[in-house]
PDB file of N, CA and C in Angstrom:
ATOM      1  N   UNK A   1     117.710  99.038 114.944  1.00  0.00           N
ATOM      2  CA  UNK A   1     117.947  99.642 113.653  1.00  0.00           C
ATOM      3  C   UNK A   1     117.009 100.814 113.399  1.00  0.00           C
ATOM      4  N   UNK A   2     115.757 100.663 113.752  1.00  0.00           N
ATOM      5  CA  UNK A   2     114.811 101.741 113.470  1.00  0.00           C
ATOM      6  C   UNK A   2     115.106 103.003 114.280  1.00  0.00           C
ATOM      7  N   UNK A   3     115.964 102.903 115.291  1.00  0.00           N
ATOM      8  CA  UNK A   3     116.337 104.075 116.085  1.00  0.00           C
ATOM      9  C   UNK A   3     117.475 104.873 115.446  1.00  0.00           C
ATOM     10  N   UNK A   4     118.089 104.321 114.434  1.00  0.00           N
ATOM     11  CA  UNK A   4     119.175 105.042 113.767  1.00  0.00           C
ATOM     12  C   UNK A   4     118.623 106.260 113.044  1.00  0.00           C
ATOM     13  N   UNK A   5     119.271 107.402 113.193  1.00  0.00           N
ATOM     14  CA  UNK A   5     118.823 108.588 112.457  1.00  0.00           C
ATOM     15  C   UNK A   5     118.874 108.327 110.954  1.00  0.00           C
ATOM     16  N   UNK A   6     117.757 108.540 110.287  1.00  0.00           N
ATOM     17  CA  UNK A   6     117.705 108.367 108.846  1.00  0.00           C
ATOM     18  C   UNK A   6     117.103 107.052 108.393  1.00  0.00           C
ATOM     19  N   UNK A   7     116.958 106.086 109.304  1.00  0.00           N
ATOM     20  CA  UNK A   7     116.330 104.811 108.940  1.00  0.00           C
ATOM     21  C   UNK A   7     114.829 104.964 109.141  1.00  0.00           C
ATOM     22  N   UNK A   8     114.085 104.735 108.061  1.00  0.00           N
ATOM     23  CA  UNK A   8     112.642 104.940 108.122  1.00  0.00           C
ATOM     24  C   UNK A   8     111.843 103.680 108.292  1.00  0.00           C
ATOM     25  N   UNK A   9     112.221 102.604 107.598  1.00  0.00           N
ATOM     26  CA  UNK A   9     111.424 101.381 107.603  1.00  0.00           C
ATOM     27  C   UNK A   9     112.334 100.195 107.324  1.00  0.00           C
ATOM     28  N   UNK A  10     112.076  99.092 108.009  1.00  0.00           N
ATOM     29  CA  UNK A  10     112.858  97.878 107.808  1.00  0.00           C
ATOM     30  C   UNK A  10     111.907  96.709 107.635  1.00  0.00           C
ATOM     31  N   UNK A  11     112.141  95.898 106.609  1.00  0.00           N
ATOM     32  CA  UNK A  11     111.417  94.647 106.417  1.00  0.00           C
ATOM     33  C   UNK A  11     112.451  93.527 106.493  1.00  0.00           C
ATOM     34  N   UNK A  12     112.221  92.545 107.366  1.00  0.00           N
ATOM     35  CA  UNK A  12     113.165  91.445 107.545  1.00  0.00           C
ATOM     36  C   UNK A  12     112.483  90.141 107.176  1.00  0.00           C
ATOM     37  N   UNK A  13     113.157  89.323 106.380  1.00  0.00           N
ATOM     38  CA  UNK A  13     112.701  87.978 106.056  1.00  0.00           C
ATOM     39  C   UNK A  13     113.738  86.996 106.580  1.00  0.00           C
ATOM     40  N   UNK A  14     113.389  86.302 107.654  1.00  0.00           N
ATOM     41  CA  UNK A  14     114.302  85.292 108.194  1.00  0.00           C
ATOM     42  C   UNK A  14     114.425  84.120 107.230  1.00  0.00           C
ATOM     43  N   UNK A  15     113.345  83.796 106.543  1.00  0.00           N
ATOM     44  CA  UNK A  15     113.344  82.697 105.582  1.00  0.00           C
ATOM     45  C   UNK A  15     114.338  82.937 104.448  1.00  0.00           C
ATOM     46  N   UNK A  16     114.361  84.164 103.934  1.00  0.00           N
ATOM     47  CA  UNK A  16     115.277  84.499 102.837  1.00  0.00           C
ATOM     48  C   UNK A  16     116.600  85.061 103.335  1.00  0.00           C
ATOM     49  N   UNK A  17     116.694  85.266 104.652  1.00  0.00           N
ATOM     50  CA  UNK A  17     117.898  85.839 105.273  1.00  0.00           C
ATOM     51  C   UNK A  17     118.257  87.174 104.633  1.00  0.00           C
ATOM     52  N   UNK A  18     117.241  88.062 104.560  1.00  0.00           N
ATOM     53  CA  UNK A  18     117.494  89.377 103.993  1.00  0.00           C
ATOM     54  C   UNK A  18     116.652  90.435 104.684  1.00  0.00           C
ATOM     55  N   UNK A  19     117.099  91.652 104.561  1.00  0.00           N
ATOM     56  CA  UNK A  19     116.359  92.798 105.086  1.00  0.00           C
ATOM     57  C   UNK A  19     116.332  93.877 104.022  1.00  0.00           C
ATOM     58  N   UNK A  20     115.228  94.558 103.956  1.00  0.00           N
ATOM     59  CA  UNK A  20     115.089  95.712 103.079  1.00  0.00           C
ATOM     60  C   UNK A  20     114.970  96.920 103.990  1.00  0.00           C
ATOM     61  N   UNK A  21     115.856  97.892 103.801  1.00  0.00           N
ATOM     62  CA  UNK A  21     115.898  99.065 104.662  1.00  0.00           C
ATOM     63  C   UNK A  21     115.628 100.302 103.821  1.00  0.00           C
ATOM     64  N   UNK A  22     114.617 101.043 104.208  1.00  0.00           N
ATOM     65  CA  UNK A  22     114.353 102.335 103.578  1.00  0.00           C
ATOM     66  C   UNK A  22     114.990 103.399 104.461  1.00  0.00           C
ATOM     67  N   UNK A  23     115.741 104.279 103.841  1.00  0.00           N
ATOM     68  CA  UNK A  23     116.523 105.243 104.613  1.00  0.00           C
ATOM     69  C   UNK A  23     116.623 106.565 103.875  1.00  0.00           C
ATOM     70  N   UNK A  24     117.006 107.578 104.614  1.00  0.00           N
ATOM     71  CA  UNK A  24     117.225 108.914 104.067  1.00  0.00           C
ATOM     72  C   UNK A  24     118.723 109.053 103.780  1.00  0.00           C
ATOM     73  N   UNK A  25     119.133 109.073 102.512  1.00  0.00           N
ATOM     74  CA  UNK A  25     120.561 109.131 102.184  1.00  0.00           C
ATOM     75  C   UNK A  25     121.245 110.424 102.617  1.00  0.00           C
ATOM     76  N   UNK A  26     120.468 111.432 102.984  1.00  0.00           N
ATOM     77  CA  UNK A  26     121.061 112.663 103.509  1.00  0.00           C
ATOM     78  C   UNK A  26     121.440 112.525 104.984  1.00  0.00           C
ATOM     79  N   UNK A  27     120.941 111.454 105.639  1.00  0.00           N
ATOM     80  CA  UNK A  27     121.179 111.298 107.077  1.00  0.00           C
ATOM     81  C   UNK A  27     122.031 110.080 107.430  1.00  0.00           C
ATOM     82  N   UNK A  28     122.039 109.045 106.567  1.00  0.00           N
ATOM     83  CA  UNK A  28     122.790 107.828 106.859  1.00  0.00           C
ATOM     84  C   UNK A  28     123.183 107.165 105.541  1.00  0.00           C
ATOM     85  N   UNK A  29     124.317 106.480 105.543  1.00  0.00           N
ATOM     86  CA  UNK A  29     124.769 105.803 104.322  1.00  0.00           C
ATOM     87  C   UNK A  29     124.497 104.306 104.424  1.00  0.00           C
ATOM     88  N   UNK A  30     124.420 103.635 103.281  1.00  0.00           N
ATOM     89  CA  UNK A  30     124.269 102.179 103.306  1.00  0.00           C
ATOM     90  C   UNK A  30     125.407 101.503 104.081  1.00  0.00           C
ATOM     91  N   UNK A  31     126.617 102.026 103.956  1.00  0.00           N
ATOM     92  CA  UNK A  31     127.755 101.448 104.685  1.00  0.00           C
ATOM     93  C   UNK A  31     127.554 101.560 106.196  1.00  0.00           C
ATOM     94  N   UNK A  32     126.981 102.655 106.669  1.00  0.00           N
ATOM     95  CA  UNK A  32     126.692 102.816 108.099  1.00  0.00           C
ATOM     96  C   UNK A  32     125.653 101.791 108.562  1.00  0.00           C
ATOM     97  N   UNK A  33     124.651 101.543 107.728  1.00  0.00           N
ATOM     98  CA  UNK A  33     123.614 100.571 108.065  1.00  0.00           C
ATOM     99  C   UNK A  33     124.219  99.170 108.153  1.00  0.00           C
ATOM    100  N   UNK A  34     125.021  98.802 107.167  1.00  0.00           N
ATOM    101  CA  UNK A  34     125.677  97.490 107.167  1.00  0.00           C
ATOM    102  C   UNK A  34     126.576  97.335 108.390  1.00  0.00           C
ATOM    103  N   UNK A  35     127.345  98.358 108.704  1.00  0.00           N
ATOM    104  CA  UNK A  35     128.248  98.303 109.861  1.00  0.00           C
ATOM    105  C   UNK A  35     127.463  98.117 111.160  1.00  0.00           C
ATOM    106  N   UNK A  36     126.328  98.783 111.289  1.00  0.00           N
ATOM    107  CA  UNK A  36     125.505  98.636 112.491  1.00  0.00           C
ATOM    108  C   UNK A  36     124.950  97.223 112.604  1.00  0.00           C
ATOM    109  N   UNK A  37     124.466  96.672 111.508  1.00  0.00           N
ATOM    110  CA  UNK A  37     123.944  95.301 111.531  1.00  0.00           C
ATOM    111  C   UNK A  37     125.045  94.329 111.923  1.00  0.00           C
ATOM    112  N   UNK A  38     126.227  94.518 111.382  1.00  0.00           N
ATOM    113  CA  UNK A  38     127.357  93.637 111.724  1.00  0.00           C
ATOM    114  C   UNK A  38     127.742  93.776 113.200  1.00  0.00           C
ATOM    115  N   UNK A  39     127.701  94.992 113.726  1.00  0.00           N
ATOM    116  CA  UNK A  39     128.003  95.207 115.154  1.00  0.00           C
ATOM    117  C   UNK A  39     126.972  94.529 116.050  1.00  0.00           C
ATOM    118  N   UNK A  40     125.753  94.380 115.562  1.00  0.00           N
ATOM    119  CA  UNK A  40     124.703  93.716 116.338  1.00  0.00           C
ATOM    120  C   UNK A  40     124.849  92.190 116.321  1.00  0.00           C
ATOM    121  N   UNK A  41     125.833  91.682 115.578  1.00  0.00           N
ATOM    122  CA  UNK A  41     126.095  90.249 115.578  1.00  0.00           C
ATOM    123  C   UNK A  41     125.560  89.486 114.379  1.00  0.00           C
ATOM    124  N   UNK A  42     125.064  90.204 113.409  1.00  0.00           N
ATOM    125  CA  UNK A  42     124.564  89.569 112.190  1.00  0.00           C
ATOM    126  C   UNK A  42     125.545  89.848 111.059  1.00  0.00           C
ATOM    127  N   UNK A  43     125.505  89.027 110.038  1.00  0.00           N
ATOM    128  CA  UNK A  43     126.343  89.263 108.868  1.00  0.00           C
ATOM    129  C   UNK A  43     125.512  90.002 107.836  1.00  0.00           C
ATOM    130  N   UNK A  44     126.011  91.150 107.418  1.00  0.00           N
ATOM    131  CA  UNK A  44     125.299  91.961 106.442  1.00  0.00           C
ATOM    132  C   UNK A  44     126.222  92.349 105.314  1.00  0.00           C
ATOM    133  N   UNK A  45     125.640  92.494 104.137  1.00  0.00           N
ATOM    134  CA  UNK A  45     126.360  93.007 102.987  1.00  0.00           C
ATOM    135  C   UNK A  45     125.363  93.758 102.126  1.00  0.00           C
ATOM    136  N   UNK A  46     125.858  94.670 101.376  1.00  0.00           N
ATOM    137  CA  UNK A  46     125.029  95.520 100.543  1.00  0.00           C
ATOM    138  C   UNK A  46     124.753  94.830  99.214  1.00  0.00           C
ATOM    139  N   UNK A  47     123.466  94.692  98.868  1.00  0.00           N
ATOM    140  CA  UNK A  47     123.094  94.092  97.590  1.00  0.00           C
ATOM    141  C   UNK A  47     122.739  95.139  96.557  1.00  0.00           C
ATOM    142  N   UNK A  48     122.282  96.312  97.007  1.00  0.00           N
ATOM    143  CA  UNK A  48     121.887  97.366  96.089  1.00  0.00           C
ATOM    144  C   UNK A  48     122.399  98.694  96.616  1.00  0.00           C
ATOM    145  N   UNK A  49     122.768  99.572  95.713  1.00  0.00           N
ATOM    146  CA  UNK A  49     123.282 100.872  96.122  1.00  0.00           C
ATOM    147  C   UNK A  49     122.232 101.839  96.579  1.00  0.00           C
ATOM    148  N   UNK A  50     120.969 101.455  96.553  1.00  0.00           N
ATOM    149  CA  UNK A  50     119.909 102.354  97.017  1.00  0.00           C
ATOM    150  C   UNK A  50     119.343 103.159  95.883  1.00  0.00           C
ATOM    151  N   UNK A  51     118.770 104.330  96.207  1.00  0.00           N
ATOM    152  CA  UNK A  51     118.045 105.108  95.199  1.00  0.00           C
ATOM    153  C   UNK A  51     118.925 105.618  94.083  1.00  0.00           C
TER     154      UNK A  51
END
């Protein structure tokens, strides 16, 4: 995930089953991030629209 253009920082909590992703909205969209996580075999959904 951190190799994706526009993704700056990721915090993952396995206990809470959530990730917080800081990203540059000019380079990547939340939908692109969710799609990548799902392609990696995890279930992801957007909880917040970002900035």
